Protein backbone atom coordinates (compact mmCIF):
# COMPACT_ATOMS: atom_id res chain seq x y z
CA MET A 1 93.90 105.81 68.76
CA SER A 2 92.03 106.92 65.66
CA HIS A 3 92.32 103.45 64.07
CA ARG A 4 90.27 101.81 66.82
CA ILE A 5 86.62 100.89 66.45
CA ILE A 6 84.31 103.07 68.55
CA PRO A 7 82.27 100.83 70.87
CA SER A 8 78.50 101.21 70.89
CA LEU A 9 76.55 101.92 74.06
CA LYS A 10 75.57 98.24 74.15
CA GLU A 11 79.24 97.17 73.86
CA LEU A 12 80.24 99.58 76.62
CA PHE A 13 77.48 98.31 78.91
CA LEU A 14 78.16 94.61 78.28
CA THR A 15 81.92 95.03 78.59
CA TYR A 16 81.66 96.94 81.85
CA THR A 17 79.11 94.46 83.16
CA LYS A 18 81.67 91.71 82.44
CA ILE A 19 84.40 93.73 84.17
CA GLY A 20 82.18 94.32 87.20
CA ILE A 21 81.07 90.72 87.55
CA LEU A 22 84.53 89.18 87.06
CA GLY A 23 86.45 91.64 89.20
CA PHE A 24 86.65 89.85 92.52
CA GLY A 25 88.89 91.72 94.95
CA GLY A 26 88.95 94.71 92.62
CA VAL A 27 88.36 95.11 88.94
CA ALA A 28 91.69 96.62 87.88
CA ALA A 29 93.16 93.35 86.59
CA VAL A 30 90.03 92.37 84.67
CA ALA A 31 89.56 95.92 83.39
CA ARG A 32 93.12 96.08 82.08
CA LEU A 33 92.86 92.69 80.36
CA THR A 34 89.47 93.50 78.83
CA ILE A 35 90.12 97.10 77.77
CA ILE A 36 93.67 96.67 76.44
CA GLU A 37 93.98 93.08 75.29
CA ASP A 38 90.45 91.89 74.49
CA ARG A 39 88.69 95.02 73.20
CA GLN A 40 91.81 97.06 72.31
CA TRP A 41 90.02 100.27 73.20
CA LEU A 42 93.21 101.65 74.78
CA ASP A 43 96.90 100.83 74.65
CA ASP A 44 99.07 100.36 77.74
CA HIS A 45 100.12 104.01 77.86
CA GLU A 46 96.55 105.32 77.53
CA TYR A 47 95.33 102.89 80.17
CA ALA A 48 98.11 103.86 82.60
CA THR A 49 97.36 107.55 82.00
CA LEU A 50 93.65 107.16 82.70
CA LEU A 51 94.37 104.97 85.72
CA GLY A 52 96.73 107.64 87.07
CA ILE A 53 94.10 110.33 86.59
CA GLY A 54 91.50 108.05 88.18
CA GLN A 55 93.69 107.62 91.24
CA VAL A 56 94.19 111.32 91.96
CA ILE A 57 90.56 112.41 91.66
CA PRO A 58 87.90 111.49 94.22
CA GLY A 59 86.21 108.12 93.84
CA ALA A 60 87.24 104.60 92.92
CA ASN A 61 89.87 104.65 90.17
CA THR A 62 88.15 102.07 87.97
CA ILE A 63 84.81 103.89 88.26
CA ASN A 64 86.60 107.10 87.33
CA MET A 65 88.11 105.28 84.34
CA ALA A 66 84.68 103.99 83.34
CA VAL A 67 83.44 107.58 83.30
CA MET A 68 86.40 108.73 81.19
CA ILE A 69 86.24 105.82 78.73
CA GLY A 70 82.47 106.12 78.37
CA GLU A 71 82.81 109.86 77.76
CA ARG A 72 85.58 109.31 75.23
CA TYR A 73 83.52 106.95 73.08
CA GLN A 74 79.87 107.85 73.66
CA GLY A 75 79.74 111.10 75.63
CA ARG A 76 77.83 111.53 78.88
CA LEU A 77 75.47 108.69 78.10
CA GLY A 78 78.51 106.45 77.56
CA SER A 79 79.80 107.40 81.02
CA PHE A 80 76.44 106.56 82.57
CA VAL A 81 76.25 103.23 80.74
CA CYS A 82 79.79 102.21 81.78
CA VAL A 83 79.24 103.08 85.44
CA THR A 84 75.88 101.32 85.46
CA GLY A 85 77.42 98.25 83.84
CA ILE A 86 80.31 98.01 86.27
CA MET A 87 78.17 98.62 89.38
CA PHE A 88 74.75 97.01 88.94
CA LEU A 89 75.37 93.26 89.26
CA PRO A 90 78.21 93.58 91.80
CA THR A 91 75.94 95.71 94.00
CA ILE A 92 73.24 93.03 93.93
CA ILE A 93 75.82 90.33 94.67
CA VAL A 94 77.34 92.28 97.57
CA ILE A 95 73.91 92.79 99.13
CA LEU A 96 73.21 89.05 98.87
CA LEU A 97 76.66 88.18 100.25
CA ALA A 98 76.17 90.59 103.16
CA ILE A 99 72.94 88.84 104.02
CA ALA A 100 74.68 85.44 103.83
CA TYR A 101 77.65 86.71 105.88
CA GLU A 102 75.31 87.94 108.56
CA GLN A 103 73.89 84.43 108.83
CA TYR A 104 77.10 82.36 108.60
CA SER A 105 80.05 84.56 109.66
CA ALA A 106 80.66 82.67 112.91
CA LEU A 107 81.45 79.41 111.13
CA PRO A 108 85.19 78.59 111.14
CA TYR A 109 85.37 77.71 107.44
CA MET A 110 83.92 81.13 106.57
CA GLN A 111 86.91 82.84 108.21
CA THR A 112 89.30 80.60 106.26
CA ALA A 113 87.50 81.41 103.01
CA LEU A 114 87.81 85.15 103.70
CA ILE A 115 91.55 84.85 104.35
CA GLY A 116 91.97 82.99 101.06
CA ALA A 117 89.93 85.59 99.19
CA SER A 118 92.05 88.39 100.66
CA ALA A 119 95.27 86.70 99.56
CA ALA A 120 93.90 86.19 96.04
CA ALA A 121 92.86 89.85 95.81
CA ALA A 122 96.30 91.04 96.94
CA GLY A 123 97.98 88.79 94.38
CA THR A 124 95.75 90.07 91.59
CA PHE A 125 96.47 93.68 92.53
CA LEU A 126 100.23 93.08 92.63
CA GLY A 127 100.19 91.14 89.36
CA THR A 128 98.36 93.96 87.55
CA GLY A 129 100.83 96.54 88.84
CA LEU A 130 103.82 94.48 87.77
CA LYS A 131 102.33 93.85 84.33
CA MET A 132 101.76 97.57 83.81
CA LEU A 133 105.25 98.38 85.06
CA GLY A 134 106.91 95.89 82.74
CA LYS A 135 105.55 97.44 79.52
CA ALA A 136 106.38 101.05 80.21
CA LYS A 137 109.67 102.74 79.30
CA ARG A 138 111.35 103.96 82.45
CA LEU A 139 114.11 106.41 83.21
CA PRO A 140 116.30 106.00 86.29
CA SER A 141 114.48 108.94 87.91
CA ASP A 142 111.19 107.06 87.49
CA TYR A 143 112.49 104.31 89.76
CA VAL A 144 113.40 106.92 92.38
CA ILE A 145 109.83 108.29 92.29
CA MET A 146 108.36 104.76 92.45
CA GLY A 147 110.61 103.89 95.38
CA LEU A 148 109.60 107.05 97.20
CA ALA A 149 105.92 106.31 96.59
CA ILE A 150 106.28 102.79 97.96
CA ALA A 151 108.23 104.04 100.98
CA PHE A 152 105.80 106.89 101.74
CA VAL A 153 102.72 104.67 101.66
CA THR A 154 104.10 101.38 102.97
CA PHE A 155 106.67 102.35 105.57
CA PHE A 156 105.70 105.88 106.60
CA HIS A 157 101.91 105.38 106.24
CA ILE A 158 101.47 108.65 104.36
CA SER A 159 98.12 108.85 102.57
CA LEU A 160 98.04 108.16 98.85
CA MET A 161 96.68 111.65 98.15
CA ILE A 162 99.53 113.39 99.99
CA THR A 163 102.04 111.03 98.38
CA VAL A 164 100.75 111.76 94.89
CA MET A 165 100.48 115.50 95.49
CA THR A 166 104.07 115.51 96.75
CA LEU A 167 105.58 113.28 94.11
CA ILE A 168 103.94 114.83 91.03
CA PRO A 169 105.78 118.15 91.41
CA THR A 170 108.91 116.25 92.45
CA ALA A 171 108.79 114.13 89.29
CA ILE A 172 108.13 117.19 87.14
CA GLY A 173 111.05 118.98 88.80
CA ILE A 174 113.40 116.04 88.25
CA GLN A 175 112.31 115.79 84.61
CA TRP A 176 112.79 119.53 84.11
CA ILE A 177 116.26 119.49 85.67
CA THR A 178 117.43 116.40 83.75
CA SER A 179 116.10 117.64 80.40
CA ARG A 180 118.09 120.90 80.54
């Protein structure tokens, strides 16, 4: 990590503004592409680590990551700049879209457009997860934990928080037992 260029406040703001404005259906895919591949501020492992932390603390994971990345490179002001960048324009756009939706939601083509947007968002989310999964080294026990996580959330409808809080000690226990 020490060989990377430290982004300025302006770079953090402009990059997170780009992430916020391009992240339709969620910014995780755009954030990953921008932070790892375009800017090279983090590698895959660092990104996955921050994303994991962002998912187990309160708030949106990408906002949490913006806080952590901003803090890493420019301190508290960096955190503020990243969060402002990722939120400002999307907030304005959502307000304008809400006004438009209020006016036109009854039109049949609007419902079709929303279904298409939902499918695109789901595909983007799945694609990002698969891309992150493909680059990481995995042990057989990791697949057991992933399978349990998928089963808990998808089939048993257990909340993500309870799933994570259950599987973290389970994964640590499995690692401890197998490393002995």
